[in-house]
Amino acid sequence: MTITEIIPLLNVEGADRSIAFYRDVLGFEVVQTFEADGATVWAMLKSGETKLMINCPDNADSKARRNADSYGGVVLYCYVESARDRHADLSARGVTVGAVTTEAYGMEEFLLRDPDGYEIAIGSRLTQLA
């Protein structure tokens, strides 16, 4: 078996709220949506070659995830050219972000959470990989 792509599907309490976060805060483009009973219940988002699906099932409950410790579950790790620049931009726009840290494994990174508590790491390499 050859897997040609992995696209995370995030189950959320409010699709429109999550779509707005990923579009307006992280710069994703909405490429497809699906509605049921007049409400958006699914969306495909894209940023560069990266894709992400948003899904709004009836039983979505993000309380435990929003209250979880950092790195307590899946972390969406986003590589960018400059974590410090992205941190400054998001901070200036009033987004709650963690401090930029320099890690022993050669990355500068910071954390933030989406409205449903999914943890997102934004990082940039300090050195090129061989």
Protein backbone atom coordinates (compact mmCIF):
# COMPACT_ATOMS: atom_id res chain seq x y z
CA MET A 1 0.00 0.00 0.00
CA THR A 2 1.22 3.48 -0.86
CA ILE A 3 -0.39 6.41 0.90
CA THR A 4 -0.36 9.38 -1.45
CA GLU A 5 -1.61 12.03 0.97
CA ILE A 6 -2.68 12.55 4.58
CA ILE A 7 -5.30 15.22 5.21
CA PRO A 8 -6.21 15.83 8.85
CA LEU A 9 -9.95 15.98 9.53
CA LEU A 10 -10.80 18.06 12.58
CA ASN A 11 -14.15 17.42 14.26
CA VAL A 12 -15.35 20.77 15.57
CA GLU A 13 -18.34 22.25 17.35
CA GLY A 14 -18.88 25.04 14.82
CA ALA A 15 -17.70 24.69 11.23
CA ASP A 16 -18.09 28.38 10.36
CA ARG A 17 -16.10 29.43 13.44
CA SER A 18 -13.28 27.00 12.59
CA ILE A 19 -13.28 27.94 8.92
CA ALA A 20 -12.96 31.62 9.90
CA PHE A 21 -10.02 30.83 12.20
CA TYR A 22 -8.05 28.83 9.64
CA ARG A 23 -8.87 31.31 6.86
CA ASP A 24 -8.48 34.63 8.70
CA VAL A 25 -5.78 33.72 11.23
CA LEU A 26 -3.65 31.15 9.41
CA GLY A 27 -4.34 32.14 5.80
CA PHE A 28 -6.00 28.99 4.49
CA GLU A 29 -8.23 29.17 1.42
CA VAL A 30 -11.66 27.52 1.49
CA VAL A 31 -11.79 25.24 -1.56
CA GLN A 32 -14.98 23.29 -0.89
CA THR A 33 -17.87 23.23 1.61
CA PHE A 34 -20.89 21.05 2.27
CA GLU A 35 -24.07 22.21 3.96
CA ALA A 36 -26.90 20.37 5.71
CA ASP A 37 -30.09 22.08 6.84
CA GLY A 38 -28.66 25.46 5.83
CA ALA A 39 -25.50 25.17 7.95
CA THR A 40 -21.93 24.41 6.91
CA VAL A 41 -20.99 20.99 8.26
CA TRP A 42 -17.80 20.21 6.30
CA ALA A 43 -15.07 22.11 4.49
CA MET A 44 -11.81 21.46 2.68
CA LEU A 45 -9.16 24.13 3.24
CA LYS A 46 -5.80 24.59 1.55
CA SER A 47 -2.62 26.56 2.13
CA GLY A 48 0.06 25.91 -0.46
CA GLU A 49 0.15 22.11 -0.79
CA THR A 50 -1.25 21.61 2.71
CA LYS A 51 -4.87 20.52 3.07
CA LEU A 52 -7.13 20.37 6.10
CA MET A 53 -10.73 19.22 6.51
CA ILE A 54 -13.21 20.67 9.00
CA ASN A 55 -16.16 18.50 10.05
CA CYS A 56 -19.04 19.34 12.36
CA PRO A 57 -20.70 16.17 13.66
CA ASP A 58 -23.73 16.41 15.93
CA ASN A 59 -21.81 15.04 18.92
CA ALA A 60 -18.72 17.30 18.71
CA ASP A 61 -17.41 18.26 22.13
CA SER A 62 -14.13 20.15 22.44
CA LYS A 63 -14.16 20.87 26.18
CA ALA A 64 -11.58 18.21 27.14
CA ARG A 65 -9.27 19.21 24.28
CA ARG A 66 -9.48 22.93 25.12
CA ASN A 67 -8.49 22.12 28.72
CA ALA A 68 -5.76 19.57 27.88
CA ASP A 69 -2.11 20.15 28.67
CA SER A 70 0.19 21.19 25.85
CA TYR A 71 1.35 18.27 23.70
CA GLY A 72 -1.36 16.13 25.32
CA GLY A 73 -2.66 14.91 21.97
CA VAL A 74 -2.18 15.47 18.28
CA VAL A 75 -0.36 18.68 17.39
CA LEU A 76 -0.70 20.18 13.91
CA TYR A 77 2.88 21.24 13.16
CA CYS A 78 3.10 23.96 10.52
CA TYR A 79 6.44 24.81 8.96
CA VAL A 80 6.90 28.44 7.94
CA GLU A 81 9.82 30.48 6.70
CA SER A 82 10.10 32.52 9.92
CA ALA A 83 8.33 31.54 13.13
CA ARG A 84 9.37 34.87 14.69
CA ASP A 85 7.74 36.85 11.86
CA ARG A 86 4.52 34.80 12.08
CA HIS A 87 4.51 35.22 15.87
CA ALA A 88 4.86 39.00 15.56
CA ASP A 89 2.10 39.14 12.94
CA LEU A 90 -0.35 37.02 14.93
CA SER A 91 0.41 38.86 18.17
CA ALA A 92 -0.16 42.23 16.48
CA ARG A 93 -3.56 40.98 15.31
CA GLY A 94 -4.54 40.01 18.86
CA VAL A 95 -4.21 36.24 18.48
CA THR A 96 -3.24 34.45 21.70
CA VAL A 97 0.08 32.74 21.05
CA GLY A 98 2.74 31.17 23.22
CA ALA A 99 6.29 32.44 23.42
CA VAL A 100 8.79 31.69 20.66
CA THR A 101 11.25 29.07 21.84
CA THR A 102 14.51 27.82 20.36
CA GLU A 103 14.64 24.04 20.50
CA ALA A 104 17.67 21.74 20.67
CA TYR A 105 16.45 19.94 17.54
CA GLY A 106 17.11 23.05 15.44
CA MET A 107 13.72 24.76 15.37
CA GLU A 108 12.23 28.05 16.50
CA GLU A 109 8.58 27.52 17.34
CA PHE A 110 5.52 28.68 19.22
CA LEU A 111 2.12 27.24 20.02
CA LEU A 112 -1.45 28.39 19.68
CA ARG A 113 -4.85 26.72 19.79
CA ASP A 114 -7.78 26.90 17.45
CA PRO A 115 -11.30 27.58 18.81
CA ASP A 116 -11.87 23.86 19.50
CA GLY A 117 -8.60 23.41 21.38
CA TYR A 118 -6.60 21.77 18.61
CA GLU A 119 -2.99 22.62 19.28
CA ILE A 120 -0.97 24.16 16.46
CA ALA A 121 2.81 24.53 16.48
CA ILE A 122 4.30 27.08 14.11
CA GLY A 123 7.97 26.43 13.47
CA SER A 124 10.92 27.29 11.28
CA ARG A 125 14.22 25.52 10.88
CA LEU A 126 17.30 27.23 12.23
CA THR A 127 19.55 25.10 10.08
CA GLN A 128 18.99 23.20 6.84
CA LEU A 129 18.62 19.47 7.04
CA ALA A 130 21.20 17.39 5.19
